[in-house]
PDB file of N, CA and C in Angstrom:
ATOM      1  N   MET A   1       0.852  -1.529  -0.136  1.00  0.00           N
ATOM      2  CA  MET A   1      -0.377   0.258  -0.095  1.00  0.00           C
ATOM      3  C   MET A   1       0.816   1.328   0.059  1.00  0.00           C
ATOM      4  N   ILE A   2       0.548   2.038  -0.811  1.00  0.00           N
ATOM      5  CA  ILE A   2       1.227   3.211  -0.977  1.00  0.00           C
ATOM      6  C   ILE A   2       0.522   4.635   0.014  1.00  0.00           C
ATOM      7  N   PRO A   3       1.910   4.980   0.865  1.00  0.00           N
ATOM      8  CA  PRO A   3       1.298   6.132   1.761  1.00  0.00           C
ATOM      9  C   PRO A   3       0.695   7.116   0.780  1.00  0.00           C
ATOM     10  N   SER A   4      -0.624   7.869   1.812  1.00  0.00           N
ATOM     11  CA  SER A   4      -1.272   9.333   1.049  1.00  0.00           C
ATOM     12  C   SER A   4      -0.341   9.982   1.190  1.00  0.00           C
ATOM     13  N   ILE A   5      -0.444  11.080   0.395  1.00  0.00           N
ATOM     14  CA  ILE A   5       0.310  12.436   0.243  1.00  0.00           C
ATOM     15  C   ILE A   5       0.426  12.927   1.965  1.00  0.00           C
ATOM     16  N   PRO A   6      -0.752  12.996   2.610  1.00  0.00           N
ATOM     17  CA  PRO A   6      -0.312  13.889   3.792  1.00  0.00           C
ATOM     18  C   PRO A   6       0.633  13.244   4.523  1.00  0.00           C
ATOM     19  N   ILE A   7       0.813  12.154   4.690  1.00  0.00           N
ATOM     20  CA  ILE A   7       1.428  11.284   5.332  1.00  0.00           C
ATOM     21  C   ILE A   7       3.008  11.544   4.752  1.00  0.00           C
ATOM     22  N   TYR A   8       3.318  11.625   3.446  1.00  0.00           N
ATOM     23  CA  TYR A   8       4.706  12.462   2.983  1.00  0.00           C
ATOM     24  C   TYR A   8       4.982  13.745   3.513  1.00  0.00           C
ATOM     25  N   GLU A   9       3.988  14.688   3.596  1.00  0.00           N
ATOM     26  CA  GLU A   9       4.112  16.145   3.970  1.00  0.00           C
ATOM     27  C   GLU A   9       4.239  15.786   5.842  1.00  0.00           C
ATOM     28  N   GLN A  10       3.537  15.454   6.374  1.00  0.00           N
ATOM     29  CA  GLN A  10       4.179  15.055   7.898  1.00  0.00           C
ATOM     30  C   GLN A  10       5.434  14.853   7.924  1.00  0.00           C
ATOM     31  N   GLN A  11       5.810  13.825   7.137  1.00  0.00           N
ATOM     32  CA  GLN A  11       7.228  13.122   7.480  1.00  0.00           C
ATOM     33  C   GLN A  11       8.308  14.251   7.106  1.00  0.00           C
ATOM     34  N   ASN A  12       7.912  14.924   5.911  1.00  0.00           N
ATOM     35  CA  ASN A  12       8.839  16.190   5.324  1.00  0.00           C
ATOM     36  C   ASN A  12       9.025  17.129   5.967  1.00  0.00           C
ATOM     37  N   ASP A  13       7.456  17.277   6.757  1.00  0.00           N
ATOM     38  CA  ASP A  13       7.484  18.511   7.958  1.00  0.00           C
ATOM     39  C   ASP A  13       8.458  18.398   9.173  1.00  0.00           C
ATOM     40  N   ARG A  14       8.219  17.191   9.542  1.00  0.00           N
ATOM     41  CA  ARG A  14       9.219  16.687  10.625  1.00  0.00           C
ATOM     42  C   ARG A  14      10.344  16.651  10.314  1.00  0.00           C
ATOM     43  N   ARG A  15      11.224  16.220   9.110  1.00  0.00           N
ATOM     44  CA  ARG A  15      12.388  16.252   8.751  1.00  0.00           C
ATOM     45  C   ARG A  15      12.885  17.636   8.475  1.00  0.00           C
ATOM     46  N   LEU A  16      12.029  18.718   7.999  1.00  0.00           N
ATOM     47  CA  LEU A  16      12.341  20.195   8.193  1.00  0.00           C
ATOM     48  C   LEU A  16      12.914  20.847   9.110  1.00  0.00           C
ATOM     49  N   LYS A  17      11.911  20.357  10.476  1.00  0.00           N
ATOM     50  CA  LYS A  17      12.178  20.925  11.901  1.00  0.00           C
ATOM     51  C   LYS A  17      13.576  20.597  12.068  1.00  0.00           C
ATOM     52  N   GLU A  18      13.678  19.030  12.092  1.00  0.00           N
ATOM     53  CA  GLU A  18      14.679  18.367  12.693  1.00  0.00           C
ATOM     54  C   GLU A  18      16.145  19.277  11.790  1.00  0.00           C
ATOM     55  N   LEU A  19      16.037  19.535  10.567  1.00  0.00           N
ATOM     56  CA  LEU A  19      16.909  19.780   9.744  1.00  0.00           C
ATOM     57  C   LEU A  19      17.093  21.699  10.273  1.00  0.00           C
ATOM     58  N   GLU A  20      16.167  22.263  10.433  1.00  0.00           N
ATOM     59  CA  GLU A  20      16.355  23.231  10.899  1.00  0.00           C
ATOM     60  C   GLU A  20      16.686  23.507  12.249  1.00  0.00           C
ATOM     61  N   SER A  21      16.462  22.455  13.242  1.00  0.00           N
ATOM     62  CA  SER A  21      17.442  22.368  14.474  1.00  0.00           C
ATOM     63  C   SER A  21      18.923  22.309  14.518  1.00  0.00           C
ATOM     64  N   LYS A  22      19.257  21.376  13.632  1.00  0.00           N
ATOM     65  CA  LYS A  22      20.429  21.040  13.181  1.00  0.00           C
ATOM     66  C   LYS A  22      21.322  22.277  12.804  1.00  0.00           C
ATOM     67  N   VAL A  23      20.870  22.788  11.575  1.00  0.00           N
ATOM     68  CA  VAL A  23      20.887  24.160  11.057  1.00  0.00           C
ATOM     69  C   VAL A  23      21.392  25.524  12.233  1.00  0.00           C
ATOM     70  N   SER A  24      20.018  25.563  13.000  1.00  0.00           N
ATOM     71  CA  SER A  24      20.181  26.777  14.307  1.00  0.00           C
ATOM     72  C   SER A  24      21.517  26.068  15.074  1.00  0.00           C
ATOM     73  N   MET A  25      21.730  24.695  15.296  1.00  0.00           N
ATOM     74  CA  MET A  25      22.770  24.501  16.257  1.00  0.00           C
ATOM     75  C   MET A  25      23.744  24.647  15.545  1.00  0.00           C
ATOM     76  N   LEU A  26      24.319  24.415  14.854  1.00  0.00           N
ATOM     77  CA  LEU A  26      25.548  24.740  13.729  1.00  0.00           C
ATOM     78  C   LEU A  26      25.864  26.306  13.692  1.00  0.00           C
ATOM     79  N   LYS A  27      24.831  26.925  13.463  1.00  0.00           N
ATOM     80  CA  LYS A  27      25.132  28.298  13.503  1.00  0.00           C
ATOM     81  C   LYS A  27      25.659  29.023  14.850  1.00  0.00           C
ATOM     82  N   ASP A  28      24.855  28.180  15.911  1.00  0.00           N
ATOM     83  CA  ASP A  28      25.643  28.722  17.125  1.00  0.00           C
ATOM     84  C   ASP A  28      26.785  28.417  17.372  1.00  0.00           C
ATOM     85  N   ILE A  29      26.999  27.131  17.289  1.00  0.00           N
ATOM     86  CA  ILE A  29      28.518  26.737  17.201  1.00  0.00           C
ATOM     87  C   ILE A  29      29.395  27.519  16.437  1.00  0.00           C
ATOM     88  N   THR A  30      29.250  27.921  15.157  1.00  0.00           N
ATOM     89  CA  THR A  30      29.835  28.712  14.511  1.00  0.00           C
ATOM     90  C   THR A  30      30.182  30.339  15.224  1.00  0.00           C
ATOM     91  N   LEU A  31      28.984  30.838  15.361  1.00  0.00           N
ATOM     92  CA  LEU A  31      29.219  31.976  16.397  1.00  0.00           C
ATOM     93  C   LEU A  31      30.003  31.971  17.827  1.00  0.00           C
ATOM     94  N   ASP A  32      29.783  30.660  18.452  1.00  0.00           N
ATOM     95  CA  ASP A  32      30.832  30.709  19.505  1.00  0.00           C
ATOM     96  C   ASP A  32      32.055  30.505  19.094  1.00  0.00           C
ATOM     97  N   ILE A  33      32.674  29.701  18.105  1.00  0.00           N
ATOM     98  CA  ILE A  33      34.253  29.773  17.322  1.00  0.00           C
ATOM     99  C   ILE A  33      34.464  31.078  16.897  1.00  0.00           C
ATOM    100  N   HIS A  34      33.576  32.005  16.214  1.00  0.00           N
ATOM    101  CA  HIS A  34      34.216  33.022  16.105  1.00  0.00           C
ATOM    102  C   HIS A  34      34.208  34.283  17.334  1.00  0.00           C
ATOM    103  N   LYS A  35      33.519  33.822  18.194  1.00  0.00           N
ATOM    104  CA  LYS A  35      33.535  34.953  19.239  1.00  0.00           C
ATOM    105  C   LYS A  35      35.234  34.467  20.049  1.00  0.00           C
ATOM    106  N   GLN A  36      35.509  33.438  20.601  1.00  0.00           N
ATOM    107  CA  GLN A  36      36.465  32.538  20.446  1.00  0.00           C
ATOM    108  C   GLN A  36      37.639  32.711  20.011  1.00  0.00           C
ATOM    109  N   ALA A  37      37.566  33.200  19.061  1.00  0.00           N
ATOM    110  CA  ALA A  37      39.084  33.330  17.871  1.00  0.00           C
ATOM    111  C   ALA A  37      38.823  35.126  18.215  1.00  0.00           C
ATOM    112  N   SER A  38      37.722  35.758  18.272  1.00  0.00           N
ATOM    113  CA  SER A  38      38.003  37.273  18.504  1.00  0.00           C
ATOM    114  C   SER A  38      38.529  37.143  19.817  1.00  0.00           C
ATOM    115  N   ASP A  39      37.860  36.749  20.981  1.00  0.00           N
ATOM    116  CA  ASP A  39      38.673  36.703  22.100  1.00  0.00           C
ATOM    117  C   ASP A  39      40.309  36.509  22.373  1.00  0.00           C
ATOM    118  N   MET A  40      40.639  35.257  21.767  1.00  0.00           N
ATOM    119  CA  MET A  40      41.890  34.699  21.430  1.00  0.00           C
ATOM    120  C   MET A  40      42.819  36.178  21.032  1.00  0.00           C
ATOM    121  N   THR A  41      42.277  36.549  19.774  1.00  0.00           N
ATOM    122  CA  THR A  41      43.281  37.822  19.178  1.00  0.00           C
ATOM    123  C   THR A  41      43.103  38.996  20.123  1.00  0.00           C
ATOM    124  N   MET A  42      42.233  39.236  20.968  1.00  0.00           N
ATOM    125  CA  MET A  42      42.321  40.509  21.768  1.00  0.00           C
ATOM    126  C   MET A  42      43.401  39.924  22.675  1.00  0.00           C
ATOM    127  N   ILE A  43      43.640  38.680  23.395  1.00  0.00           N
ATOM    128  CA  ILE A  43      44.360  38.534  24.464  1.00  0.00           C
ATOM    129  C   ILE A  43      45.569  38.554  23.905  1.00  0.00           C
ATOM    130  N   GLU A  44      45.925  38.155  22.460  1.00  0.00           N
ATOM    131  CA  GLU A  44      47.170  37.941  22.032  1.00  0.00           C
ATOM    132  C   GLU A  44      47.643  39.136  22.108  1.00  0.00           C
ATOM    133  N   GLN A  45      47.299  40.264  21.225  1.00  0.00           N
ATOM    134  CA  GLN A  45      47.270  41.754  21.234  1.00  0.00           C
ATOM    135  C   GLN A  45      47.550  42.355  22.411  1.00  0.00           C
ATOM    136  N   SER A  46      46.687  41.834  23.895  1.00  0.00           N
ATOM    137  CA  SER A  46      47.406  42.442  24.958  1.00  0.00           C
ATOM    138  C   SER A  46      48.372  42.048  25.666  1.00  0.00           C
ATOM    139  N   LYS A  47      48.672  40.753  25.300  1.00  0.00           N
ATOM    140  CA  LYS A  47      50.330  40.436  25.574  1.00  0.00           C
ATOM    141  C   LYS A  47      50.808  41.127  25.258  1.00  0.00           C
ATOM    142  N   GLN A  48      51.071  41.183  23.753  1.00  0.00           N
ATOM    143  CA  GLN A  48      51.786  41.777  22.882  1.00  0.00           C
ATOM    144  C   GLN A  48      52.173  42.955  23.455  1.00  0.00           C
ATOM    145  N   ALA A  49      51.021  44.137  24.054  1.00  0.00           N
ATOM    146  CA  ALA A  49      51.198  45.577  24.511  1.00  0.00           C
ATOM    147  C   ALA A  49      51.663  45.395  25.839  1.00  0.00           C
ATOM    148  N   ILE A  50      51.217  44.088  26.706  1.00  0.00           N
ATOM    149  CA  ILE A  50      52.342  44.430  28.085  1.00  0.00           C
ATOM    150  C   ILE A  50      53.506  44.131  27.807  1.00  0.00           C
ATOM    151  N   SER A  51      54.072  43.251  26.946  1.00  0.00           N
ATOM    152  CA  SER A  51      55.674  43.141  26.393  1.00  0.00           C
ATOM    153  C   SER A  51      56.163  43.989  26.200  1.00  0.00           C
ATOM    154  N   ARG A  52      55.877  45.036  25.138  1.00  0.00           N
ATOM    155  CA  ARG A  52      56.421  46.165  24.713  1.00  0.00           C
ATOM    156  C   ARG A  52      56.229  47.088  25.958  1.00  0.00           C
ATOM    157  N   LEU A  53      55.302  47.561  26.570  1.00  0.00           N
ATOM    158  CA  LEU A  53      55.315  48.138  27.936  1.00  0.00           C
ATOM    159  C   LEU A  53      56.579  47.732  28.950  1.00  0.00           C
ATOM    160  N   THR A  54      56.327  46.450  29.196  1.00  0.00           N
ATOM    161  CA  THR A  54      57.580  45.892  29.910  1.00  0.00           C
ATOM    162  C   THR A  54      59.008  46.258  29.729  1.00  0.00           C
ATOM    163  N   ARG A  55      59.129  46.147  28.094  1.00  0.00           N
ATOM    164  CA  ARG A  55      60.569  46.300  27.535  1.00  0.00           C
ATOM    165  C   ARG A  55      60.804  47.481  27.880  1.00  0.00           C
ATOM    166  N   ASP A  56      59.595  48.591  27.464  1.00  0.00           N
ATOM    167  CA  ASP A  56      60.162  49.887  27.513  1.00  0.00           C
ATOM    168  C   ASP A  56      60.694  50.421  28.792  1.00  0.00           C
ATOM    169  N   VAL A  57      59.804  49.942  29.944  1.00  0.00           N
ATOM    170  CA  VAL A  57      59.729  50.190  31.332  1.00  0.00           C
ATOM    171  C   VAL A  57      61.249  49.734  31.580  1.00  0.00           C
ATOM    172  N   HIS A  58      61.555  48.528  31.200  1.00  0.00           N
ATOM    173  CA  HIS A  58      62.904  48.064  31.591  1.00  0.00           C
ATOM    174  C   HIS A  58      64.016  49.074  30.598  1.00  0.00           C
ATOM    175  N   ASN A  59      64.031  49.362  29.496  1.00  0.00           N
ATOM    176  CA  ASN A  59      65.139  50.046  29.006  1.00  0.00           C
ATOM    177  C   ASN A  59      65.068  51.860  29.392  1.00  0.00           C
ATOM    178  N   SER A  60      63.845  52.156  30.034  1.00  0.00           N
ATOM    179  CA  SER A  60      64.055  53.658  30.921  1.00  0.00           C
ATOM    180  C   SER A  60      64.493  53.777  32.001  1.00  0.00           C
ATOM    181  N   ALA A  61      64.336  52.238  33.152  1.00  0.00           N
ATOM    182  CA  ALA A  61      64.999  52.242  34.285  1.00  0.00           C
ATOM    183  C   ALA A  61      66.851  51.896  33.835  1.00  0.00           C
ATOM    184  N   LEU A  62      66.996  51.790  32.555  1.00  0.00           N
ATOM    185  CA  LEU A  62      68.657  51.095  32.514  1.00  0.00           C
ATOM    186  C   LEU A  62      69.472  52.716  32.164  1.00  0.00           C
ATOM    187  N   ARG A  63      68.183  53.675  31.289  1.00  0.00           N
ATOM    188  CA  ARG A  63      68.602  54.782  31.120  1.00  0.00           C
ATOM    189  C   ARG A  63      68.796  55.455  32.144  1.00  0.00           C
ATOM    190  N   LEU A  64      67.782  55.576  32.873  1.00  0.00           N
ATOM    191  CA  LEU A  64      67.835  56.415  34.171  1.00  0.00           C
ATOM    192  C   LEU A  64      68.973  56.003  35.158  1.00  0.00           C
ATOM    193  N   ASN A  65      69.547  54.763  35.221  1.00  0.00           N
ATOM    194  CA  ASN A  65      70.253  54.245  36.160  1.00  0.00           C
ATOM    195  C   ASN A  65      71.659  54.981  35.407  1.00  0.00           C
ATOM    196  N   ARG A  66      71.960  54.739  34.278  1.00  0.00           N
ATOM    197  CA  ARG A  66      73.150  55.539  33.449  1.00  0.00           C
ATOM    198  C   ARG A  66      73.387  56.995  33.951  1.00  0.00           C
ATOM    199  N   VAL A  67      72.150  57.766  34.117  1.00  0.00           N
ATOM    200  CA  VAL A  67      72.529  59.158  34.258  1.00  0.00           C
ATOM    201  C   VAL A  67      72.231  59.258  35.555  1.00  0.00           C
ATOM    202  N   LEU A  68      71.924  58.398  36.183  1.00  0.00           N
ATOM    203  CA  LEU A  68      72.042  58.625  37.891  1.00  0.00           C
ATOM    204  C   LEU A  68      73.506  58.099  38.073  1.00  0.00           C
ATOM    205  N   LEU A  69      74.065  57.194  37.418  1.00  0.00           N
ATOM    206  CA  LEU A  69      75.875  57.009  37.887  1.00  0.00           C
ATOM    207  C   LEU A  69      76.158  58.442  37.294  1.00  0.00           C
ATOM    208  N   THR A  70      76.653  58.516  36.208  1.00  0.00           N
ATOM    209  CA  THR A  70      76.963  59.913  35.537  1.00  0.00           C
ATOM    210  C   THR A  70      76.749  60.903  36.850  1.00  0.00           C
ATOM    211  N   LYS A  71      75.667  61.425  36.889  1.00  0.00           N
ATOM    212  CA  LYS A  71      75.598  62.753  38.256  1.00  0.00           C
ATOM    213  C   LYS A  71      76.297  62.562  39.350  1.00  0.00           C
ATOM    214  N   ILE A  72      76.001  60.821  39.905  1.00  0.00           N
ATOM    215  CA  ILE A  72      77.106  60.703  41.067  1.00  0.00           C
ATOM    216  C   ILE A  72      78.536  60.852  40.742  1.00  0.00           C
ATOM    217  N   SER A  73      79.343  60.428  39.652  1.00  0.00           N
ATOM    218  CA  SER A  73      80.573  60.370  39.209  1.00  0.00           C
ATOM    219  C   SER A  73      80.682  62.094  39.226  1.00  0.00           C
ATOM    220  N   ILE A  74      80.040  63.028  38.594  1.00  0.00           N
ATOM    221  CA  ILE A  74      80.131  64.229  38.526  1.00  0.00           C
ATOM    222  C   ILE A  74      80.436  65.067  39.687  1.00  0.00           C
ATOM    223  N   PHE A  75      79.174  64.533  40.839  1.00  0.00           N
ATOM    224  CA  PHE A  75      79.053  65.117  42.058  1.00  0.00           C
ATOM    225  C   PHE A  75      80.331  64.846  43.028  1.00  0.00           C
ATOM    226  N   LYS A  76      80.716  63.270  42.858  1.00  0.00           N
ATOM    227  CA  LYS A  76      81.964  63.146  43.197  1.00  0.00           C
ATOM    228  C   LYS A  76      83.139  63.852  42.989  1.00  0.00           C
ATOM    229  N   CYS A  77      83.316  64.288  41.752  1.00  0.00           N
ATOM    230  CA  CYS A  77      84.247  65.045  41.378  1.00  0.00           C
ATOM    231  C   CYS A  77      84.274  66.436  41.876  1.00  0.00           C
ATOM    232  N   TRP A  78      83.508  66.708  41.893  1.00  0.00           N
ATOM    233  CA  TRP A  78      83.134  68.422  42.510  1.00  0.00           C
ATOM    234  C   TRP A  78      83.800  68.632  43.795  1.00  0.00           C
ATOM    235  N   ILE A  79      82.979  67.269  44.689  1.00  0.00           N
ATOM    236  CA  ILE A  79      83.686  67.354  46.188  1.00  0.00           C
ATOM    237  C   ILE A  79      84.803  66.989  46.209  1.00  0.00           C
ATOM    238  N   PHE A  80      85.288  66.515  45.441  1.00  0.00           N
ATOM    239  CA  PHE A  80      87.277  65.971  45.223  1.00  0.00           C
ATOM    240  C   PHE A  80      87.846  67.175  45.248  1.00  0.00           C
ATOM    241  N   LEU A  81      86.975  68.042  44.158  1.00  0.00           N
ATOM    242  CA  LEU A  81      87.947  69.367  43.918  1.00  0.00           C
ATOM    243  C   LEU A  81      87.773  70.658  44.762  1.00  0.00           C
ATOM    244  N   ILE A  82      86.607  70.495  45.430  1.00  0.00           N
ATOM    245  CA  ILE A  82      86.166  71.233  46.355  1.00  0.00           C
ATOM    246  C   ILE A  82      87.052  71.081  47.765  1.00  0.00           C
ATOM    247  N   LEU A  83      87.260  69.743  48.211  1.00  0.00           N
ATOM    248  CA  LEU A  83      88.002  69.681  49.482  1.00  0.00           C
ATOM    249  C   LEU A  83      89.011  69.714  49.096  1.00  0.00           C
TER     250      LEU A  83
END
């Protein structure tokens, strides 16, 4: 016996709803992956910025140390000349 048209339509409707559900799930997964990738990019950029800042602070500290050592040497020379 051949099923009637309404049974085929019911099966098609059911399968269509299942397919819609799967497509919706895939869309959600894709959006989550995109968000995580964006978050990882932002984290990586932040790490690079912190590394640059750390390097710049370190270099500034080295330059300050050289300046202070030079000033102390000049000060010692003046003290020696005065005494």
